[in-house]
N, C-alpha and C. Protein backbone atom coordinates (compact mmCIF):
# COMPACT_ATOMS: atom_id res chain seq x y z
N MET A 1 98.14 -124.36 41.77
CA MET A 1 98.23 -125.22 42.91
C MET A 1 96.69 -125.70 43.15
N GLY A 2 96.39 -127.03 43.27
CA GLY A 2 95.20 -127.58 43.41
C GLY A 2 94.58 -127.42 44.92
N LYS A 3 93.38 -127.67 45.21
CA LYS A 3 92.72 -127.57 46.37
C LYS A 3 93.23 -128.66 47.44
N VAL A 4 93.54 -128.27 48.57
CA VAL A 4 94.06 -129.16 49.65
C VAL A 4 92.99 -130.00 50.17
N SER A 5 93.25 -131.34 50.28
CA SER A 5 92.34 -132.14 50.79
C SER A 5 91.92 -131.93 52.38
N ARG A 6 90.71 -131.96 52.81
CA ARG A 6 90.41 -131.77 54.20
C ARG A 6 90.93 -132.95 55.00
N TYR A 7 91.31 -134.03 54.40
CA TYR A 7 91.72 -135.16 55.12
C TYR A 7 93.19 -135.26 55.28
N ARG A 8 93.99 -134.40 54.76
CA ARG A 8 95.49 -134.35 54.93
C ARG A 8 95.91 -133.39 55.87
N MET A 9 95.14 -132.41 56.26
CA MET A 9 95.48 -131.44 57.36
C MET A 9 94.44 -131.79 58.48
N GLY A 10 94.73 -131.23 59.65
CA GLY A 10 93.85 -131.56 60.88
C GLY A 10 94.15 -130.66 61.99
N TRP A 11 93.56 -131.22 63.18
CA TRP A 11 93.64 -130.55 64.38
C TRP A 11 94.05 -131.41 65.48
N LEU A 12 94.75 -130.89 66.37
CA LEU A 12 95.30 -131.53 67.51
C LEU A 12 94.48 -131.07 68.63
N LEU A 13 93.78 -132.16 69.19
CA LEU A 13 92.84 -131.91 70.26
C LEU A 13 93.46 -132.38 71.55
N VAL A 14 93.62 -131.44 72.59
CA VAL A 14 94.25 -131.76 73.83
C VAL A 14 93.07 -131.61 74.87
N LEU A 15 93.04 -132.79 75.63
CA LEU A 15 92.12 -132.99 76.69
C LEU A 15 92.79 -133.15 77.97
N PHE A 16 92.46 -132.63 79.13
CA PHE A 16 93.11 -132.80 80.34
C PHE A 16 92.21 -132.90 81.50
N ASP A 17 92.84 -133.52 82.48
CA ASP A 17 92.14 -133.68 83.81
C ASP A 17 93.27 -133.44 84.88
N LEU A 18 93.33 -132.20 85.29
CA LEU A 18 94.28 -131.77 86.31
C LEU A 18 93.77 -131.62 87.70
N PRO A 19 94.46 -132.10 88.74
CA PRO A 19 93.89 -131.94 90.11
C PRO A 19 93.93 -130.25 90.36
N VAL A 20 93.04 -129.90 91.24
CA VAL A 20 92.97 -128.47 91.68
C VAL A 20 92.63 -128.43 93.17
N THR A 21 93.08 -129.35 93.96
CA THR A 21 92.79 -129.48 95.28
C THR A 21 93.57 -128.40 96.21
N THR A 22 94.87 -128.29 95.78
CA THR A 22 95.78 -127.53 96.65
C THR A 22 96.01 -126.18 95.68
N ALA A 23 96.53 -125.19 96.49
CA ALA A 23 96.86 -123.92 95.96
C ALA A 23 97.75 -124.14 94.67
N GLN A 24 98.90 -124.98 94.99
CA GLN A 24 99.87 -125.23 93.93
C GLN A 24 99.33 -125.92 92.74
N GLU A 25 98.41 -126.95 93.01
CA GLU A 25 97.79 -127.58 91.76
C GLU A 25 96.87 -126.60 90.99
N ARG A 26 96.27 -125.74 91.61
CA ARG A 26 95.34 -124.63 91.00
C ARG A 26 96.39 -123.87 90.06
N LYS A 27 97.40 -123.51 90.69
CA LYS A 27 98.43 -122.56 90.01
C LYS A 27 99.03 -123.33 88.86
N ASP A 28 99.37 -124.65 88.90
CA ASP A 28 99.96 -125.32 87.77
C ASP A 28 98.87 -125.59 86.85
N ALA A 29 97.60 -125.87 87.11
CA ALA A 29 96.71 -126.04 86.01
C ALA A 29 96.27 -124.73 85.33
N ALA A 30 96.38 -123.55 86.05
CA ALA A 30 96.15 -122.22 85.28
C ALA A 30 97.29 -121.96 84.39
N HIS A 31 98.48 -122.21 84.91
CA HIS A 31 99.61 -122.13 84.05
C HIS A 31 99.65 -122.99 82.80
N PHE A 32 99.31 -124.31 82.91
CA PHE A 32 99.18 -125.07 81.70
C PHE A 32 98.09 -124.53 80.74
N ARG A 33 97.02 -124.11 81.29
CA ARG A 33 95.99 -123.55 80.36
C ARG A 33 96.58 -122.26 79.58
N ASN A 34 97.21 -121.37 80.39
CA ASN A 34 97.74 -120.24 79.89
C ASN A 34 98.73 -120.49 78.73
N GLN A 35 99.60 -121.53 79.06
CA GLN A 35 100.66 -122.00 78.03
C GLN A 35 99.98 -122.29 76.74
N LEU A 36 98.89 -123.15 76.82
CA LEU A 36 98.03 -123.58 75.66
C LEU A 36 97.67 -122.43 74.87
N LEU A 37 96.97 -121.42 75.64
CA LEU A 37 96.64 -120.28 74.90
C LEU A 37 97.71 -119.45 74.23
N ASP A 38 98.81 -119.36 75.05
CA ASP A 38 99.91 -118.62 74.52
C ASP A 38 100.60 -119.26 73.25
N SER A 39 100.38 -120.66 73.16
CA SER A 39 100.98 -121.39 72.03
C SER A 39 99.96 -121.48 70.84
N GLY A 40 98.82 -120.81 70.94
CA GLY A 40 97.99 -120.62 69.79
C GLY A 40 96.88 -121.65 69.93
N TYR A 41 96.62 -122.36 70.93
CA TYR A 41 95.40 -123.28 71.12
C TYR A 41 94.10 -122.36 71.30
N LEU A 42 93.02 -123.12 70.70
CA LEU A 42 91.64 -122.48 71.15
C LEU A 42 91.13 -123.11 72.12
N MET A 43 90.51 -122.42 73.05
CA MET A 43 89.73 -123.05 74.30
C MET A 43 88.28 -123.65 73.72
N LEU A 44 88.14 -124.87 73.72
CA LEU A 44 86.73 -125.27 73.25
C LEU A 44 85.90 -125.44 74.46
N GLN A 45 86.45 -125.99 75.58
CA GLN A 45 85.90 -126.05 76.86
C GLN A 45 87.05 -125.78 77.91
N TYR A 46 86.68 -125.72 79.27
CA TYR A 46 87.63 -125.41 80.15
C TYR A 46 88.84 -126.46 80.19
N SER A 47 88.55 -127.75 79.90
CA SER A 47 89.73 -128.74 79.84
C SER A 47 89.83 -129.35 78.36
N ALA A 48 89.51 -128.47 77.32
CA ALA A 48 89.47 -129.17 75.92
C ALA A 48 90.03 -128.00 75.05
N TYR A 49 91.19 -128.13 74.45
CA TYR A 49 91.80 -127.10 73.62
C TYR A 49 92.21 -127.78 72.18
N ALA A 50 92.20 -127.03 71.32
CA ALA A 50 92.60 -127.54 69.92
C ALA A 50 93.52 -126.49 69.13
N ARG A 51 94.35 -126.97 68.35
CA ARG A 51 95.12 -126.24 67.34
C ARG A 51 95.29 -126.88 66.14
N SER A 52 95.22 -126.10 65.04
CA SER A 52 95.33 -126.53 63.66
C SER A 52 96.73 -127.12 63.42
N SER A 53 96.83 -128.08 62.65
CA SER A 53 98.06 -128.86 62.38
C SER A 53 98.06 -129.22 60.79
N VAL A 54 98.78 -128.55 59.99
CA VAL A 54 98.69 -128.63 58.57
C VAL A 54 99.43 -129.96 58.18
N THR A 55 100.39 -130.44 58.77
CA THR A 55 100.89 -131.72 58.35
C THR A 55 101.10 -132.59 59.52
N LEU A 56 101.35 -133.86 59.42
CA LEU A 56 101.67 -134.90 60.53
C LEU A 56 103.05 -134.41 61.17
N GLU A 57 103.94 -133.88 60.53
CA GLU A 57 105.24 -133.49 61.08
C GLU A 57 104.84 -132.33 62.08
N LYS A 58 103.99 -131.33 61.80
CA LYS A 58 103.64 -130.26 62.56
C LYS A 58 103.00 -130.82 63.81
N LYS A 59 102.06 -131.79 63.52
CA LYS A 59 101.45 -132.42 64.79
C LYS A 59 102.48 -133.07 65.77
N GLN A 60 103.53 -133.71 65.21
CA GLN A 60 104.49 -134.44 66.05
C GLN A 60 105.14 -133.22 66.82
N GLY A 61 105.52 -132.13 66.26
CA GLY A 61 106.21 -130.98 66.89
C GLY A 61 105.33 -130.38 67.91
N LEU A 62 104.15 -130.31 67.79
CA LEU A 62 103.01 -129.87 68.72
C LEU A 62 103.03 -130.79 69.94
N VAL A 63 103.10 -132.08 69.83
CA VAL A 63 103.08 -133.06 70.81
C VAL A 63 104.30 -132.98 71.63
N ASN A 64 105.48 -132.71 70.97
CA ASN A 64 106.78 -132.72 71.61
C ASN A 64 106.73 -131.44 72.48
N GLU A 65 106.25 -130.34 71.95
CA GLU A 65 106.12 -129.19 72.68
C GLU A 65 105.34 -129.27 73.96
N LEU A 66 104.15 -130.00 73.76
CA LEU A 66 103.29 -130.31 74.93
C LEU A 66 103.88 -131.16 75.95
N ARG A 67 104.85 -132.09 75.67
CA ARG A 67 105.50 -132.88 76.57
C ARG A 67 106.22 -131.98 77.59
N GLY A 68 106.80 -130.86 77.31
CA GLY A 68 107.46 -130.05 78.19
C GLY A 68 106.46 -129.23 78.96
N MET A 69 105.17 -129.03 78.49
CA MET A 69 104.32 -128.13 79.32
C MET A 69 103.44 -129.01 80.28
N VAL A 70 103.49 -130.34 80.22
CA VAL A 70 102.47 -131.03 81.12
C VAL A 70 102.87 -130.96 82.57
N PRO A 71 101.94 -130.49 83.40
CA PRO A 71 102.22 -130.52 84.80
C PRO A 71 102.65 -131.87 85.38
N GLU A 72 103.12 -131.89 86.65
CA GLU A 72 103.53 -132.99 87.41
C GLU A 72 102.51 -134.02 87.72
N SER A 73 101.22 -133.38 87.91
CA SER A 73 100.22 -134.60 88.22
C SER A 73 99.16 -134.22 87.27
N GLY A 74 98.10 -135.33 87.29
CA GLY A 74 97.03 -135.16 86.33
C GLY A 74 97.28 -135.91 84.98
N THR A 75 96.33 -135.92 84.09
CA THR A 75 96.55 -136.54 82.69
C THR A 75 96.22 -135.50 81.63
N VAL A 76 96.99 -135.61 80.61
CA VAL A 76 96.83 -134.87 79.28
C VAL A 76 96.73 -135.86 78.29
N GLN A 77 95.77 -135.85 77.56
CA GLN A 77 95.51 -136.62 76.31
C GLN A 77 95.56 -135.77 75.04
N CYS A 78 96.03 -136.40 74.02
CA CYS A 78 96.16 -135.73 72.64
C CYS A 78 95.32 -136.61 71.72
N LEU A 79 94.60 -136.11 70.80
CA LEU A 79 93.82 -136.72 69.69
C LEU A 79 93.96 -135.85 68.43
N PHE A 80 94.39 -136.49 67.48
CA PHE A 80 94.52 -135.89 66.15
C PHE A 80 93.26 -136.10 65.27
N MET A 81 92.62 -135.26 64.68
CA MET A 81 91.48 -135.50 63.78
C MET A 81 91.79 -134.68 62.44
N THR A 82 91.19 -135.25 61.36
CA THR A 82 91.34 -134.56 60.10
C THR A 82 90.49 -133.40 60.09
N ASP A 83 90.78 -132.48 59.16
CA ASP A 83 89.90 -131.30 59.01
C ASP A 83 88.51 -131.73 58.65
N GLY A 84 88.42 -132.75 57.88
CA GLY A 84 87.15 -133.21 57.48
C GLY A 84 86.32 -133.64 58.71
N GLN A 85 86.99 -134.48 59.56
CA GLN A 85 86.28 -135.01 60.73
C GLN A 85 86.05 -133.76 61.75
N TRP A 86 86.85 -132.80 61.76
CA TRP A 86 86.53 -131.64 62.63
C TRP A 86 85.38 -130.90 62.16
N GLY A 87 85.27 -130.67 60.85
CA GLY A 87 84.12 -130.04 60.22
C GLY A 87 82.83 -130.68 60.53
N GLY A 88 82.84 -132.00 60.77
CA GLY A 88 81.57 -132.68 60.94
C GLY A 88 81.05 -132.67 62.53
N MET A 89 82.06 -132.02 63.34
CA MET A 89 81.66 -131.98 64.88
C MET A 89 80.45 -131.09 64.96
N LEU A 90 79.64 -131.49 65.86
CA LEU A 90 78.32 -130.57 66.20
C LEU A 90 78.53 -130.10 67.72
N THR A 91 78.16 -128.82 67.78
CA THR A 91 77.98 -128.27 69.17
C THR A 91 76.53 -128.38 69.51
N LEU A 92 76.14 -129.00 70.52
CA LEU A 92 74.77 -129.13 70.97
C LEU A 92 74.64 -128.14 72.27
N SER A 93 73.53 -127.46 72.05
CA SER A 93 73.25 -126.43 73.18
C SER A 93 71.76 -126.12 73.16
N ARG A 94 71.17 -125.60 74.17
CA ARG A 94 69.90 -125.17 74.30
C ARG A 94 69.78 -123.58 74.53
N GLY A 95 68.62 -123.13 74.38
CA GLY A 95 68.42 -121.76 74.61
C GLY A 95 68.46 -121.07 73.33
N LYS A 96 68.92 -119.77 73.43
CA LYS A 96 68.80 -118.87 72.23
C LYS A 96 69.65 -119.27 71.08
N ARG A 97 70.72 -120.09 71.19
CA ARG A 97 71.56 -120.54 70.19
C ARG A 97 70.84 -121.68 69.42
N LYS A 98 71.27 -121.93 68.27
CA LYS A 98 70.89 -123.09 67.50
C LYS A 98 71.11 -124.43 68.39
N LEU A 99 70.29 -125.48 68.09
CA LEU A 99 70.51 -126.62 68.80
C LEU A 99 71.63 -127.33 68.29
N LEU A 100 71.83 -127.36 66.99
CA LEU A 100 73.03 -127.96 66.43
C LEU A 100 73.73 -127.03 65.57
N ARG A 101 75.07 -126.90 65.91
CA ARG A 101 75.99 -125.94 65.19
C ARG A 101 77.24 -126.56 64.72
N ARG A 102 77.64 -126.50 63.59
CA ARG A 102 78.94 -127.11 63.27
C ARG A 102 80.07 -126.16 63.69
N ILE A 103 81.00 -127.02 64.25
CA ILE A 103 82.29 -126.29 64.83
C ILE A 103 83.07 -125.46 63.82
N ASP A 104 83.09 -125.73 62.47
CA ASP A 104 83.80 -124.99 61.66
C ASP A 104 83.10 -123.70 61.24
N GLU A 105 81.88 -123.45 61.87
CA GLU A 105 81.12 -122.28 61.49
C GLU A 105 81.42 -121.18 62.76
N GLN A 106 82.04 -121.62 63.67
CA GLN A 106 82.28 -120.66 64.86
C GLN A 106 83.43 -119.69 64.41
N PRO A 107 83.30 -118.40 64.72
CA PRO A 107 84.10 -117.43 64.29
C PRO A 107 85.57 -117.60 64.70
N GLN A 108 85.88 -118.16 65.89
CA GLN A 108 87.24 -118.31 66.26
C GLN A 108 87.98 -119.38 65.47
N ILE A 109 87.25 -120.47 65.02
CA ILE A 109 87.73 -121.51 64.23
C ILE A 109 87.97 -120.88 62.94
N LYS A 110 87.17 -120.16 62.32
CA LYS A 110 87.35 -119.42 60.97
C LYS A 110 88.75 -118.74 60.91
N GLU A 111 89.11 -118.02 62.06
CA GLU A 111 90.33 -117.41 62.12
C GLU A 111 91.54 -118.31 61.98
N GLN A 112 91.39 -119.50 62.70
CA GLN A 112 92.47 -120.52 62.51
C GLN A 112 92.66 -121.05 61.07
N LEU A 113 91.40 -121.30 60.43
CA LEU A 113 91.44 -121.77 59.15
C LEU A 113 92.03 -120.73 58.00
N GLN A 114 92.00 -119.57 58.31
CA GLN A 114 92.53 -118.53 57.41
C GLN A 114 94.08 -118.95 57.02
N PHE A 115 94.74 -119.40 57.91
CA PHE A 115 96.19 -119.77 57.78
C PHE A 115 96.35 -120.88 56.79
N TRP A 116 95.33 -121.61 56.58
CA TRP A 116 95.54 -122.74 55.54
C TRP A 116 95.33 -122.18 54.24
C-alpha cells in the first residue's frame, strides 16, 4: 500500500462563540466543550477544537454529530482543512517557547496522527 496523500485526509476545525451571561448559558457552554472532548476533539484554544477526519464521509458524519450537540444560543462554525494545510499552521507565542512552532509538531497532535 502506497503513502497516503496529506491532501486527501484532514481536520475538522470547530470554532464557537457561545453566550455565558447567565448560569444556564455557562452550563450549556461547558457541556458543549465537554461533549467535544468526549467525542475526541483536541482543544486548541478555549473556543477552538479540532478532530482528525480521514475521509470526507467521516467529516460529514462528524458534522452531523455536531448538529445534535450545538447549544440553543450562540454560533458554532466548522471548517475542514487538509492535513497538508494543517501541517503548515504556525503557533505564534512569546516567552520561553519558540516564536514559530508548527502545529503538527505538538505532542497532542502527534497522538491523533498515529491513527492514520
